[in-house]
PDBML (XML) file of the C-alpha atoms, coordinates in Angstrom:
<?xml version="1.0" encoding="UTF-8" ?>
<PDBx:datablock datablockName="MODEL"
   xmlns:PDBx="http://pdbml.pdb.org/schema/pdbx-v50.xsd"
   xmlns:xsi="http://www.w3.org/2001/XMLSchema-instance"
   xsi:schemaLocation="http://pdbml.pdb.org/schema/pdbx-v50.xsd pdbx-v50.xsd">
   <PDBx:atom_siteCategory>
      <PDBx:atom_site id="1">
         <PDBx:B_iso_or_equiv>0.00</PDBx:B_iso_or_equiv>
         <PDBx:Cartn_x>110.764</PDBx:Cartn_x>
         <PDBx:Cartn_y>106.478</PDBx:Cartn_y>
         <PDBx:Cartn_z>97.628</PDBx:Cartn_z>
         <PDBx:auth_asym_id>A</PDBx:auth_asym_id>
         <PDBx:auth_atom_id>CA</PDBx:auth_atom_id>
         <PDBx:auth_comp_id>ALA</PDBx:auth_comp_id>
         <PDBx:auth_seq_id>1</PDBx:auth_seq_id>
         <PDBx:group_PDB>ATOM</PDBx:group_PDB>
         <PDBx:label_alt_id xsi:nil="true" />
         <PDBx:label_asym_id>A</PDBx:label_asym_id>
         <PDBx:label_atom_id>CA</PDBx:label_atom_id>
         <PDBx:label_comp_id>ALA</PDBx:label_comp_id>
         <PDBx:label_entity_id>1</PDBx:label_entity_id>
         <PDBx:label_seq_id>1</PDBx:label_seq_id>
         <PDBx:occupancy>1.00</PDBx:occupancy>
         <PDBx:pdbx_PDB_model_num>1</PDBx:pdbx_PDB_model_num>
         <PDBx:type_symbol>C</PDBx:type_symbol>
      </PDBx:atom_site>
      <PDBx:atom_site id="2">
         <PDBx:B_iso_or_equiv>0.00</PDBx:B_iso_or_equiv>
         <PDBx:Cartn_x>108.457</PDBx:Cartn_x>
         <PDBx:Cartn_y>107.169</PDBx:Cartn_y>
         <PDBx:Cartn_z>95.892</PDBx:Cartn_z>
         <PDBx:auth_asym_id>A</PDBx:auth_asym_id>
         <PDBx:auth_atom_id>CA</PDBx:auth_atom_id>
         <PDBx:auth_comp_id>GLY</PDBx:auth_comp_id>
         <PDBx:auth_seq_id>2</PDBx:auth_seq_id>
         <PDBx:group_PDB>ATOM</PDBx:group_PDB>
         <PDBx:label_alt_id xsi:nil="true" />
         <PDBx:label_asym_id>A</PDBx:label_asym_id>
         <PDBx:label_atom_id>CA</PDBx:label_atom_id>
         <PDBx:label_comp_id>GLY</PDBx:label_comp_id>
         <PDBx:label_entity_id>1</PDBx:label_entity_id>
         <PDBx:label_seq_id>2</PDBx:label_seq_id>
         <PDBx:occupancy>1.00</PDBx:occupancy>
         <PDBx:pdbx_PDB_model_num>1</PDBx:pdbx_PDB_model_num>
         <PDBx:type_symbol>C</PDBx:type_symbol>
      </PDBx:atom_site>
      <PDBx:atom_site id="3">
         <PDBx:B_iso_or_equiv>0.00</PDBx:B_iso_or_equiv>
         <PDBx:Cartn_x>104.544</PDBx:Cartn_x>
         <PDBx:Cartn_y>106.466</PDBx:Cartn_y>
         <PDBx:Cartn_z>94.851</PDBx:Cartn_z>
         <PDBx:auth_asym_id>A</PDBx:auth_asym_id>
         <PDBx:auth_atom_id>CA</PDBx:auth_atom_id>
         <PDBx:auth_comp_id>ALA</PDBx:auth_comp_id>
         <PDBx:auth_seq_id>3</PDBx:auth_seq_id>
         <PDBx:group_PDB>ATOM</PDBx:group_PDB>
         <PDBx:label_alt_id xsi:nil="true" />
         <PDBx:label_asym_id>A</PDBx:label_asym_id>
         <PDBx:label_atom_id>CA</PDBx:label_atom_id>
         <PDBx:label_comp_id>ALA</PDBx:label_comp_id>
         <PDBx:label_entity_id>1</PDBx:label_entity_id>
         <PDBx:label_seq_id>3</PDBx:label_seq_id>
         <PDBx:occupancy>1.00</PDBx:occupancy>
         <PDBx:pdbx_PDB_model_num>1</PDBx:pdbx_PDB_model_num>
         <PDBx:type_symbol>C</PDBx:type_symbol>
      </PDBx:atom_site>
      <PDBx:atom_site id="4">
         <PDBx:B_iso_or_equiv>0.00</PDBx:B_iso_or_equiv>
         <PDBx:Cartn_x>103.541</PDBx:Cartn_x>
         <PDBx:Cartn_y>104.855</PDBx:Cartn_y>
         <PDBx:Cartn_z>91.614</PDBx:Cartn_z>
         <PDBx:auth_asym_id>A</PDBx:auth_asym_id>
         <PDBx:auth_atom_id>CA</PDBx:auth_atom_id>
         <PDBx:auth_comp_id>ILE</PDBx:auth_comp_id>
         <PDBx:auth_seq_id>4</PDBx:auth_seq_id>
         <PDBx:group_PDB>ATOM</PDBx:group_PDB>
         <PDBx:label_alt_id xsi:nil="true" />
         <PDBx:label_asym_id>A</PDBx:label_asym_id>
         <PDBx:label_atom_id>CA</PDBx:label_atom_id>
         <PDBx:label_comp_id>ILE</PDBx:label_comp_id>
         <PDBx:label_entity_id>1</PDBx:label_entity_id>
         <PDBx:label_seq_id>4</PDBx:label_seq_id>
         <PDBx:occupancy>1.00</PDBx:occupancy>
         <PDBx:pdbx_PDB_model_num>1</PDBx:pdbx_PDB_model_num>
         <PDBx:type_symbol>C</PDBx:type_symbol>
      </PDBx:atom_site>
      <PDBx:atom_site id="5">
         <PDBx:B_iso_or_equiv>0.00</PDBx:B_iso_or_equiv>
         <PDBx:Cartn_x>101.058</PDBx:Cartn_x>
         <PDBx:Cartn_y>106.206</PDBx:Cartn_y>
         <PDBx:Cartn_z>89.175</PDBx:Cartn_z>
         <PDBx:auth_asym_id>A</PDBx:auth_asym_id>
         <PDBx:auth_atom_id>CA</PDBx:auth_atom_id>
         <PDBx:auth_comp_id>SER</PDBx:auth_comp_id>
         <PDBx:auth_seq_id>5</PDBx:auth_seq_id>
         <PDBx:group_PDB>ATOM</PDBx:group_PDB>
         <PDBx:label_alt_id xsi:nil="true" />
         <PDBx:label_asym_id>A</PDBx:label_asym_id>
         <PDBx:label_atom_id>CA</PDBx:label_atom_id>
         <PDBx:label_comp_id>SER</PDBx:label_comp_id>
         <PDBx:label_entity_id>1</PDBx:label_entity_id>
         <PDBx:label_seq_id>5</PDBx:label_seq_id>
         <PDBx:occupancy>1.00</PDBx:occupancy>
         <PDBx:pdbx_PDB_model_num>1</PDBx:pdbx_PDB_model_num>
         <PDBx:type_symbol>C</PDBx:type_symbol>
      </PDBx:atom_site>
      <PDBx:atom_site id="6">
         <PDBx:B_iso_or_equiv>0.00</PDBx:B_iso_or_equiv>
         <PDBx:Cartn_x>97.666</PDBx:Cartn_x>
         <PDBx:Cartn_y>106.981</PDBx:Cartn_y>
         <PDBx:Cartn_z>90.840</PDBx:Cartn_z>
         <PDBx:auth_asym_id>A</PDBx:auth_asym_id>
         <PDBx:auth_atom_id>CA</PDBx:auth_atom_id>
         <PDBx:auth_comp_id>PHE</PDBx:auth_comp_id>
         <PDBx:auth_seq_id>6</PDBx:auth_seq_id>
         <PDBx:group_PDB>ATOM</PDBx:group_PDB>
         <PDBx:label_alt_id xsi:nil="true" />
         <PDBx:label_asym_id>A</PDBx:label_asym_id>
         <PDBx:label_atom_id>CA</PDBx:label_atom_id>
         <PDBx:label_comp_id>PHE</PDBx:label_comp_id>
         <PDBx:label_entity_id>1</PDBx:label_entity_id>
         <PDBx:label_seq_id>6</PDBx:label_seq_id>
         <PDBx:occupancy>1.00</PDBx:occupancy>
         <PDBx:pdbx_PDB_model_num>1</PDBx:pdbx_PDB_model_num>
         <PDBx:type_symbol>C</PDBx:type_symbol>
      </PDBx:atom_site>
      <PDBx:atom_site id="7">
         <PDBx:B_iso_or_equiv>0.00</PDBx:B_iso_or_equiv>
         <PDBx:Cartn_x>95.335</PDBx:Cartn_x>
         <PDBx:Cartn_y>105.962</PDBx:Cartn_y>
         <PDBx:Cartn_z>87.889</PDBx:Cartn_z>
         <PDBx:auth_asym_id>A</PDBx:auth_asym_id>
         <PDBx:auth_atom_id>CA</PDBx:auth_atom_id>
         <PDBx:auth_comp_id>GLU</PDBx:auth_comp_id>
         <PDBx:auth_seq_id>7</PDBx:auth_seq_id>
         <PDBx:group_PDB>ATOM</PDBx:group_PDB>
         <PDBx:label_alt_id xsi:nil="true" />
         <PDBx:label_asym_id>A</PDBx:label_asym_id>
         <PDBx:label_atom_id>CA</PDBx:label_atom_id>
         <PDBx:label_comp_id>GLU</PDBx:label_comp_id>
         <PDBx:label_entity_id>1</PDBx:label_entity_id>
         <PDBx:label_seq_id>7</PDBx:label_seq_id>
         <PDBx:occupancy>1.00</PDBx:occupancy>
         <PDBx:pdbx_PDB_model_num>1</PDBx:pdbx_PDB_model_num>
         <PDBx:type_symbol>C</PDBx:type_symbol>
      </PDBx:atom_site>
      <PDBx:atom_site id="8">
         <PDBx:B_iso_or_equiv>0.00</PDBx:B_iso_or_equiv>
         <PDBx:Cartn_x>97.752</PDBx:Cartn_x>
         <PDBx:Cartn_y>103.069</PDBx:Cartn_y>
         <PDBx:Cartn_z>87.907</PDBx:Cartn_z>
         <PDBx:auth_asym_id>A</PDBx:auth_asym_id>
         <PDBx:auth_atom_id>CA</PDBx:auth_atom_id>
         <PDBx:auth_comp_id>ASP</PDBx:auth_comp_id>
         <PDBx:auth_seq_id>8</PDBx:auth_seq_id>
         <PDBx:group_PDB>ATOM</PDBx:group_PDB>
         <PDBx:label_alt_id xsi:nil="true" />
         <PDBx:label_asym_id>A</PDBx:label_asym_id>
         <PDBx:label_atom_id>CA</PDBx:label_atom_id>
         <PDBx:label_comp_id>ASP</PDBx:label_comp_id>
         <PDBx:label_entity_id>1</PDBx:label_entity_id>
         <PDBx:label_seq_id>8</PDBx:label_seq_id>
         <PDBx:occupancy>1.00</PDBx:occupancy>
         <PDBx:pdbx_PDB_model_num>1</PDBx:pdbx_PDB_model_num>
         <PDBx:type_symbol>C</PDBx:type_symbol>
      </PDBx:atom_site>
      <PDBx:atom_site id="9">
         <PDBx:B_iso_or_equiv>0.00</PDBx:B_iso_or_equiv>
         <PDBx:Cartn_x>97.280</PDBx:Cartn_x>
         <PDBx:Cartn_y>102.108</PDBx:Cartn_y>
         <PDBx:Cartn_z>91.906</PDBx:Cartn_z>
         <PDBx:auth_asym_id>A</PDBx:auth_asym_id>
         <PDBx:auth_atom_id>CA</PDBx:auth_atom_id>
         <PDBx:auth_comp_id>GLY</PDBx:auth_comp_id>
         <PDBx:auth_seq_id>9</PDBx:auth_seq_id>
         <PDBx:group_PDB>ATOM</PDBx:group_PDB>
         <PDBx:label_alt_id xsi:nil="true" />
         <PDBx:label_asym_id>A</PDBx:label_asym_id>
         <PDBx:label_atom_id>CA</PDBx:label_atom_id>
         <PDBx:label_comp_id>GLY</PDBx:label_comp_id>
         <PDBx:label_entity_id>1</PDBx:label_entity_id>
         <PDBx:label_seq_id>9</PDBx:label_seq_id>
         <PDBx:occupancy>1.00</PDBx:occupancy>
         <PDBx:pdbx_PDB_model_num>1</PDBx:pdbx_PDB_model_num>
         <PDBx:type_symbol>C</PDBx:type_symbol>
      </PDBx:atom_site>
      <PDBx:atom_site id="10">
         <PDBx:B_iso_or_equiv>0.00</PDBx:B_iso_or_equiv>
         <PDBx:Cartn_x>92.986</PDBx:Cartn_x>
         <PDBx:Cartn_y>102.522</PDBx:Cartn_y>
         <PDBx:Cartn_z>91.359</PDBx:Cartn_z>
         <PDBx:auth_asym_id>A</PDBx:auth_asym_id>
         <PDBx:auth_atom_id>CA</PDBx:auth_atom_id>
         <PDBx:auth_comp_id>ILE</PDBx:auth_comp_id>
         <PDBx:auth_seq_id>10</PDBx:auth_seq_id>
         <PDBx:group_PDB>ATOM</PDBx:group_PDB>
         <PDBx:label_alt_id xsi:nil="true" />
         <PDBx:label_asym_id>A</PDBx:label_asym_id>
         <PDBx:label_atom_id>CA</PDBx:label_atom_id>
         <PDBx:label_comp_id>ILE</PDBx:label_comp_id>
         <PDBx:label_entity_id>1</PDBx:label_entity_id>
         <PDBx:label_seq_id>10</PDBx:label_seq_id>
         <PDBx:occupancy>1.00</PDBx:occupancy>
         <PDBx:pdbx_PDB_model_num>1</PDBx:pdbx_PDB_model_num>
         <PDBx:type_symbol>C</PDBx:type_symbol>
      </PDBx:atom_site>
      <PDBx:atom_site id="11">
         <PDBx:B_iso_or_equiv>0.00</PDBx:B_iso_or_equiv>
         <PDBx:Cartn_x>92.860</PDBx:Cartn_x>
         <PDBx:Cartn_y>100.647</PDBx:Cartn_y>
         <PDBx:Cartn_z>87.977</PDBx:Cartn_z>
         <PDBx:auth_asym_id>A</PDBx:auth_asym_id>
         <PDBx:auth_atom_id>CA</PDBx:auth_atom_id>
         <PDBx:auth_comp_id>LYS</PDBx:auth_comp_id>
         <PDBx:auth_seq_id>11</PDBx:auth_seq_id>
         <PDBx:group_PDB>ATOM</PDBx:group_PDB>
         <PDBx:label_alt_id xsi:nil="true" />
         <PDBx:label_asym_id>A</PDBx:label_asym_id>
         <PDBx:label_atom_id>CA</PDBx:label_atom_id>
         <PDBx:label_comp_id>LYS</PDBx:label_comp_id>
         <PDBx:label_entity_id>1</PDBx:label_entity_id>
         <PDBx:label_seq_id>11</PDBx:label_seq_id>
         <PDBx:occupancy>1.00</PDBx:occupancy>
         <PDBx:pdbx_PDB_model_num>1</PDBx:pdbx_PDB_model_num>
         <PDBx:type_symbol>C</PDBx:type_symbol>
      </PDBx:atom_site>
      <PDBx:atom_site id="12">
         <PDBx:B_iso_or_equiv>0.00</PDBx:B_iso_or_equiv>
         <PDBx:Cartn_x>94.875</PDBx:Cartn_x>
         <PDBx:Cartn_y>97.474</PDBx:Cartn_y>
         <PDBx:Cartn_z>89.762</PDBx:Cartn_z>
         <PDBx:auth_asym_id>A</PDBx:auth_asym_id>
         <PDBx:auth_atom_id>CA</PDBx:auth_atom_id>
         <PDBx:auth_comp_id>ALA</PDBx:auth_comp_id>
         <PDBx:auth_seq_id>12</PDBx:auth_seq_id>
         <PDBx:group_PDB>ATOM</PDBx:group_PDB>
         <PDBx:label_alt_id xsi:nil="true" />
         <PDBx:label_asym_id>A</PDBx:label_asym_id>
         <PDBx:label_atom_id>CA</PDBx:label_atom_id>
         <PDBx:label_comp_id>ALA</PDBx:label_comp_id>
         <PDBx:label_entity_id>1</PDBx:label_entity_id>
         <PDBx:label_seq_id>12</PDBx:label_seq_id>
         <PDBx:occupancy>1.00</PDBx:occupancy>
         <PDBx:pdbx_PDB_model_num>1</PDBx:pdbx_PDB_model_num>
         <PDBx:type_symbol>C</PDBx:type_symbol>
      </PDBx:atom_site>
      <PDBx:atom_site id="13">
         <PDBx:B_iso_or_equiv>0.00</PDBx:B_iso_or_equiv>
         <PDBx:Cartn_x>91.722</PDBx:Cartn_x>
         <PDBx:Cartn_y>97.331</PDBx:Cartn_y>
         <PDBx:Cartn_z>92.562</PDBx:Cartn_z>
         <PDBx:auth_asym_id>A</PDBx:auth_asym_id>
         <PDBx:auth_atom_id>CA</PDBx:auth_atom_id>
         <PDBx:auth_comp_id>VAL</PDBx:auth_comp_id>
         <PDBx:auth_seq_id>13</PDBx:auth_seq_id>
         <PDBx:group_PDB>ATOM</PDBx:group_PDB>
         <PDBx:label_alt_id xsi:nil="true" />
         <PDBx:label_asym_id>A</PDBx:label_asym_id>
         <PDBx:label_atom_id>CA</PDBx:label_atom_id>
         <PDBx:label_comp_id>VAL</PDBx:label_comp_id>
         <PDBx:label_entity_id>1</PDBx:label_entity_id>
         <PDBx:label_seq_id>13</PDBx:label_seq_id>
         <PDBx:occupancy>1.00</PDBx:occupancy>
         <PDBx:pdbx_PDB_model_num>1</PDBx:pdbx_PDB_model_num>
         <PDBx:type_symbol>C</PDBx:type_symbol>
      </PDBx:atom_site>
      <PDBx:atom_site id="14">
         <PDBx:B_iso_or_equiv>0.00</PDBx:B_iso_or_equiv>
         <PDBx:Cartn_x>89.967</PDBx:Cartn_x>
         <PDBx:Cartn_y>94.456</PDBx:Cartn_y>
         <PDBx:Cartn_z>92.128</PDBx:Cartn_z>
         <PDBx:auth_asym_id>A</PDBx:auth_asym_id>
         <PDBx:auth_atom_id>CA</PDBx:auth_atom_id>
         <PDBx:auth_comp_id>PRO</PDBx:auth_comp_id>
         <PDBx:auth_seq_id>14</PDBx:auth_seq_id>
         <PDBx:group_PDB>ATOM</PDBx:group_PDB>
         <PDBx:label_alt_id xsi:nil="true" />
         <PDBx:label_asym_id>A</PDBx:label_asym_id>
         <PDBx:label_atom_id>CA</PDBx:label_atom_id>
         <PDBx:label_comp_id>PRO</PDBx:label_comp_id>
         <PDBx:label_entity_id>1</PDBx:label_entity_id>
         <PDBx:label_seq_id>14</PDBx:label_seq_id>
         <PDBx:occupancy>1.00</PDBx:occupancy>
         <PDBx:pdbx_PDB_model_num>1</PDBx:pdbx_PDB_model_num>
         <PDBx:type_symbol>C</PDBx:type_symbol>
      </PDBx:atom_site>
      <PDBx:atom_site id="15">
         <PDBx:B_iso_or_equiv>0.00</PDBx:B_iso_or_equiv>
         <PDBx:Cartn_x>86.009</PDBx:Cartn_x>
         <PDBx:Cartn_y>95.347</PDBx:Cartn_y>
         <PDBx:Cartn_z>91.045</PDBx:Cartn_z>
         <PDBx:auth_asym_id>A</PDBx:auth_asym_id>
         <PDBx:auth_atom_id>CA</PDBx:auth_atom_id>
         <PDBx:auth_comp_id>ARG</PDBx:auth_comp_id>
         <PDBx:auth_seq_id>15</PDBx:auth_seq_id>
         <PDBx:group_PDB>ATOM</PDBx:group_PDB>
         <PDBx:label_alt_id xsi:nil="true" />
         <PDBx:label_asym_id>A</PDBx:label_asym_id>
         <PDBx:label_atom_id>CA</PDBx:label_atom_id>
         <PDBx:label_comp_id>ARG</PDBx:label_comp_id>
         <PDBx:label_entity_id>1</PDBx:label_entity_id>
         <PDBx:label_seq_id>15</PDBx:label_seq_id>
         <PDBx:occupancy>1.00</PDBx:occupancy>
         <PDBx:pdbx_PDB_model_num>1</PDBx:pdbx_PDB_model_num>
         <PDBx:type_symbol>C</PDBx:type_symbol>
      </PDBx:atom_site>
      <PDBx:atom_site id="16">
         <PDBx:B_iso_or_equiv>0.00</PDBx:B_iso_or_equiv>
         <PDBx:Cartn_x>83.659</PDBx:Cartn_x>
         <PDBx:Cartn_y>92.480</PDBx:Cartn_y>
         <PDBx:Cartn_z>92.458</PDBx:Cartn_z>
         <PDBx:auth_asym_id>A</PDBx:auth_asym_id>
         <PDBx:auth_atom_id>CA</PDBx:auth_atom_id>
         <PDBx:auth_comp_id>LEU</PDBx:auth_comp_id>
         <PDBx:auth_seq_id>16</PDBx:auth_seq_id>
         <PDBx:group_PDB>ATOM</PDBx:group_PDB>
         <PDBx:label_alt_id xsi:nil="true" />
         <PDBx:label_asym_id>A</PDBx:label_asym_id>
         <PDBx:label_atom_id>CA</PDBx:label_atom_id>
         <PDBx:label_comp_id>LEU</PDBx:label_comp_id>
         <PDBx:label_entity_id>1</PDBx:label_entity_id>
         <PDBx:label_seq_id>16</PDBx:label_seq_id>
         <PDBx:occupancy>1.00</PDBx:occupancy>
         <PDBx:pdbx_PDB_model_num>1</PDBx:pdbx_PDB_model_num>
         <PDBx:type_symbol>C</PDBx:type_symbol>
      </PDBx:atom_site>
      <PDBx:atom_site id="17">
         <PDBx:B_iso_or_equiv>0.00</PDBx:B_iso_or_equiv>
         <PDBx:Cartn_x>80.198</PDBx:Cartn_x>
         <PDBx:Cartn_y>91.646</PDBx:Cartn_y>
         <PDBx:Cartn_z>91.918</PDBx:Cartn_z>
         <PDBx:auth_asym_id>A</PDBx:auth_asym_id>
         <PDBx:auth_atom_id>CA</PDBx:auth_atom_id>
         <PDBx:auth_comp_id>GLY</PDBx:auth_comp_id>
         <PDBx:auth_seq_id>17</PDBx:auth_seq_id>
         <PDBx:group_PDB>ATOM</PDBx:group_PDB>
         <PDBx:label_alt_id xsi:nil="true" />
         <PDBx:label_asym_id>A</PDBx:label_asym_id>
         <PDBx:label_atom_id>CA</PDBx:label_atom_id>
         <PDBx:label_comp_id>GLY</PDBx:label_comp_id>
         <PDBx:label_entity_id>1</PDBx:label_entity_id>
         <PDBx:label_seq_id>17</PDBx:label_seq_id>
         <PDBx:occupancy>1.00</PDBx:occupancy>
         <PDBx:pdbx_PDB_model_num>1</PDBx:pdbx_PDB_model_num>
         <PDBx:type_symbol>C</PDBx:type_symbol>
      </PDBx:atom_site>
      <PDBx:atom_site id="18">
         <PDBx:B_iso_or_equiv>0.00</PDBx:B_iso_or_equiv>
         <PDBx:Cartn_x>78.118</PDBx:Cartn_x>
         <PDBx:Cartn_y>92.216</PDBx:Cartn_y>
         <PDBx:Cartn_z>95.218</PDBx:Cartn_z>
         <PDBx:auth_asym_id>A</PDBx:auth_asym_id>
         <PDBx:auth_atom_id>CA</PDBx:auth_atom_id>
         <PDBx:auth_comp_id>ASN</PDBx:auth_comp_id>
         <PDBx:auth_seq_id>18</PDBx:auth_seq_id>
         <PDBx:group_PDB>ATOM</PDBx:group_PDB>
         <PDBx:label_alt_id xsi:nil="true" />
         <PDBx:label_asym_id>A</PDBx:label_asym_id>
         <PDBx:label_atom_id>CA</PDBx:label_atom_id>
         <PDBx:label_comp_id>ASN</PDBx:label_comp_id>
         <PDBx:label_entity_id>1</PDBx:label_entity_id>
         <PDBx:label_seq_id>18</PDBx:label_seq_id>
         <PDBx:occupancy>1.00</PDBx:occupancy>
         <PDBx:pdbx_PDB_model_num>1</PDBx:pdbx_PDB_model_num>
         <PDBx:type_symbol>C</PDBx:type_symbol>
      </PDBx:atom_site>
      <PDBx:atom_site id="19">
         <PDBx:B_iso_or_equiv>0.00</PDBx:B_iso_or_equiv>
         <PDBx:Cartn_x>77.025</PDBx:Cartn_x>
         <PDBx:Cartn_y>88.884</PDBx:Cartn_y>
         <PDBx:Cartn_z>96.086</PDBx:Cartn_z>
         <PDBx:auth_asym_id>A</PDBx:auth_asym_id>
         <PDBx:auth_atom_id>CA</PDBx:auth_atom_id>
         <PDBx:auth_comp_id>ASP</PDBx:auth_comp_id>
         <PDBx:auth_seq_id>19</PDBx:auth_seq_id>
         <PDBx:group_PDB>ATOM</PDBx:group_PDB>
         <PDBx:label_alt_id xsi:nil="true" />
         <PDBx:label_asym_id>A</PDBx:label_asym_id>
         <PDBx:label_atom_id>CA</PDBx:label_atom_id>
         <PDBx:label_comp_id>ASP</PDBx:label_comp_id>
         <PDBx:label_entity_id>1</PDBx:label_entity_id>
         <PDBx:label_seq_id>19</PDBx:label_seq_id>
         <PDBx:occupancy>1.00</PDBx:occupancy>
         <PDBx:pdbx_PDB_model_num>1</PDBx:pdbx_PDB_model_num>
         <PDBx:type_symbol>C</PDBx:type_symbol>
      </PDBx:atom_site>
      <PDBx:atom_site id="20">
         <PDBx:B_iso_or_equiv>0.00</PDBx:B_iso_or_equiv>
         <PDBx:Cartn_x>80.816</PDBx:Cartn_x>
         <PDBx:Cartn_y>87.710</PDBx:Cartn_y>
         <PDBx:Cartn_z>95.240</PDBx:Cartn_z>
         <PDBx:auth_asym_id>A</PDBx:auth_asym_id>
         <PDBx:auth_atom_id>CA</PDBx:auth_atom_id>
         <PDBx:auth_comp_id>ALA</PDBx:auth_comp_id>
         <PDBx:auth_seq_id>20</PDBx:auth_seq_id>
         <PDBx:group_PDB>ATOM</PDBx:group_PDB>
         <PDBx:label_alt_id xsi:nil="true" />
         <PDBx:label_asym_id>A</PDBx:label_asym_id>
         <PDBx:label_atom_id>CA</PDBx:label_atom_id>
         <PDBx:label_comp_id>ALA</PDBx:label_comp_id>
         <PDBx:label_entity_id>1</PDBx:label_entity_id>
         <PDBx:label_seq_id>20</PDBx:label_seq_id>
         <PDBx:occupancy>1.00</PDBx:occupancy>
         <PDBx:pdbx_PDB_model_num>1</PDBx:pdbx_PDB_model_num>
         <PDBx:type_symbol>C</PDBx:type_symbol>
      </PDBx:atom_site>
      <PDBx:atom_site id="21">
         <PDBx:B_iso_or_equiv>0.00</PDBx:B_iso_or_equiv>
         <PDBx:Cartn_x>82.074</PDBx:Cartn_x>
         <PDBx:Cartn_y>85.135</PDBx:Cartn_y>
         <PDBx:Cartn_z>97.651</PDBx:Cartn_z>
         <PDBx:auth_asym_id>A</PDBx:auth_asym_id>
         <PDBx:auth_atom_id>CA</PDBx:auth_atom_id>
         <PDBx:auth_comp_id>LYS</PDBx:auth_comp_id>
         <PDBx:auth_seq_id>21</PDBx:auth_seq_id>
         <PDBx:group_PDB>ATOM</PDBx:group_PDB>
         <PDBx:label_alt_id xsi:nil="true" />
         <PDBx:label_asym_id>A</PDBx:label_asym_id>
         <PDBx:label_atom_id>CA</PDBx:label_atom_id>
         <PDBx:label_comp_id>LYS</PDBx:label_comp_id>
         <PDBx:label_entity_id>1</PDBx:label_entity_id>
         <PDBx:label_seq_id>21</PDBx:label_seq_id>
         <PDBx:occupancy>1.00</PDBx:occupancy>
         <PDBx:pdbx_PDB_model_num>1</PDBx:pdbx_PDB_model_num>
         <PDBx:type_symbol>C</PDBx:type_symbol>
      </PDBx:atom_site>
      <PDBx:atom_site id="22">
         <PDBx:B_iso_or_equiv>0.00</PDBx:B_iso_or_equiv>
         <PDBx:Cartn_x>84.551</PDBx:Cartn_x>
         <PDBx:Cartn_y>87.073</PDBx:Cartn_y>
         <PDBx:Cartn_z>99.954</PDBx:Cartn_z>
         <PDBx:auth_asym_id>A</PDBx:auth_asym_id>
         <PDBx:auth_atom_id>CA</PDBx:auth_atom_id>
         <PDBx:auth_comp_id>LEU</PDBx:auth_comp_id>
         <PDBx:auth_seq_id>22</PDBx:auth_seq_id>
         <PDBx:group_PDB>ATOM</PDBx:group_PDB>
         <PDBx:label_alt_id xsi:nil="true" />
         <PDBx:label_asym_id>A</PDBx:label_asym_id>
         <PDBx:label_atom_id>CA</PDBx:label_atom_id>
         <PDBx:label_comp_id>LEU</PDBx:label_comp_id>
         <PDBx:label_entity_id>1</PDBx:label_entity_id>
         <PDBx:label_seq_id>22</PDBx:label_seq_id>
         <PDBx:occupancy>1.00</PDBx:occupancy>
         <PDBx:pdbx_PDB_model_num>1</PDBx:pdbx_PDB_model_num>
         <PDBx:type_symbol>C</PDBx:type_symbol>
      </PDBx:atom_site>
      <PDBx:atom_site id="23">
         <PDBx:B_iso_or_equiv>0.00</PDBx:B_iso_or_equiv>
         <PDBx:Cartn_x>87.437</PDBx:Cartn_x>
         <PDBx:Cartn_y>85.353</PDBx:Cartn_y>
         <PDBx:Cartn_z>102.228</PDBx:Cartn_z>
         <PDBx:auth_asym_id>A</PDBx:auth_asym_id>
         <PDBx:auth_atom_id>CA</PDBx:auth_atom_id>
         <PDBx:auth_comp_id>GLU</PDBx:auth_comp_id>
         <PDBx:auth_seq_id>23</PDBx:auth_seq_id>
         <PDBx:group_PDB>ATOM</PDBx:group_PDB>
         <PDBx:label_alt_id xsi:nil="true" />
         <PDBx:label_asym_id>A</PDBx:label_asym_id>
         <PDBx:label_atom_id>CA</PDBx:label_atom_id>
         <PDBx:label_comp_id>GLU</PDBx:label_comp_id>
         <PDBx:label_entity_id>1</PDBx:label_entity_id>
         <PDBx:label_seq_id>23</PDBx:label_seq_id>
         <PDBx:occupancy>1.00</PDBx:occupancy>
         <PDBx:pdbx_PDB_model_num>1</PDBx:pdbx_PDB_model_num>
         <PDBx:type_symbol>C</PDBx:type_symbol>
      </PDBx:atom_site>
      <PDBx:atom_site id="24">
         <PDBx:B_iso_or_equiv>0.00</PDBx:B_iso_or_equiv>
         <PDBx:Cartn_x>85.940</PDBx:Cartn_x>
         <PDBx:Cartn_y>84.516</PDBx:Cartn_y>
         <PDBx:Cartn_z>105.704</PDBx:Cartn_z>
         <PDBx:auth_asym_id>A</PDBx:auth_asym_id>
         <PDBx:auth_atom_id>CA</PDBx:auth_atom_id>
         <PDBx:auth_comp_id>GLU</PDBx:auth_comp_id>
         <PDBx:auth_seq_id>24</PDBx:auth_seq_id>
         <PDBx:group_PDB>ATOM</PDBx:group_PDB>
         <PDBx:label_alt_id xsi:nil="true" />
         <PDBx:label_asym_id>A</PDBx:label_asym_id>
         <PDBx:label_atom_id>CA</PDBx:label_atom_id>
         <PDBx:label_comp_id>GLU</PDBx:label_comp_id>
         <PDBx:label_entity_id>1</PDBx:label_entity_id>
         <PDBx:label_seq_id>24</PDBx:label_seq_id>
         <PDBx:occupancy>1.00</PDBx:occupancy>
         <PDBx:pdbx_PDB_model_num>1</PDBx:pdbx_PDB_model_num>
         <PDBx:type_symbol>C</PDBx:type_symbol>
      </PDBx:atom_site>
      <PDBx:atom_site id="25">
         <PDBx:B_iso_or_equiv>0.00</PDBx:B_iso_or_equiv>
         <PDBx:Cartn_x>86.953</PDBx:Cartn_x>
         <PDBx:Cartn_y>86.428</PDBx:Cartn_y>
         <PDBx:Cartn_z>108.227</PDBx:Cartn_z>
         <PDBx:auth_asym_id>A</PDBx:auth_asym_id>
         <PDBx:auth_atom_id>CA</PDBx:auth_atom_id>
         <PDBx:auth_comp_id>GLY</PDBx:auth_comp_id>
         <PDBx:auth_seq_id>25</PDBx:auth_seq_id>
         <PDBx:group_PDB>ATOM</PDBx:group_PDB>
         <PDBx:label_alt_id xsi:nil="true" />
         <PDBx:label_asym_id>A</PDBx:label_asym_id>
         <PDBx:label_atom_id>CA</PDBx:label_atom_id>
         <PDBx:label_comp_id>GLY</PDBx:label_comp_id>
         <PDBx:label_entity_id>1</PDBx:label_entity_id>
         <PDBx:label_seq_id>25</PDBx:label_seq_id>
         <PDBx:occupancy>1.00</PDBx:occupancy>
         <PDBx:pdbx_PDB_model_num>1</PDBx:pdbx_PDB_model_num>
         <PDBx:type_symbol>C</PDBx:type_symbol>
      </PDBx:atom_site>
   </PDBx:atom_siteCategory>
</PDBx:datablock>
């Protein structure tokens, strides 16, 4: 199919604080 831009894909990754509440399980 062809992938999206490499850098766009990386920028879309959510960055969280180290004590962010993560989804249980």
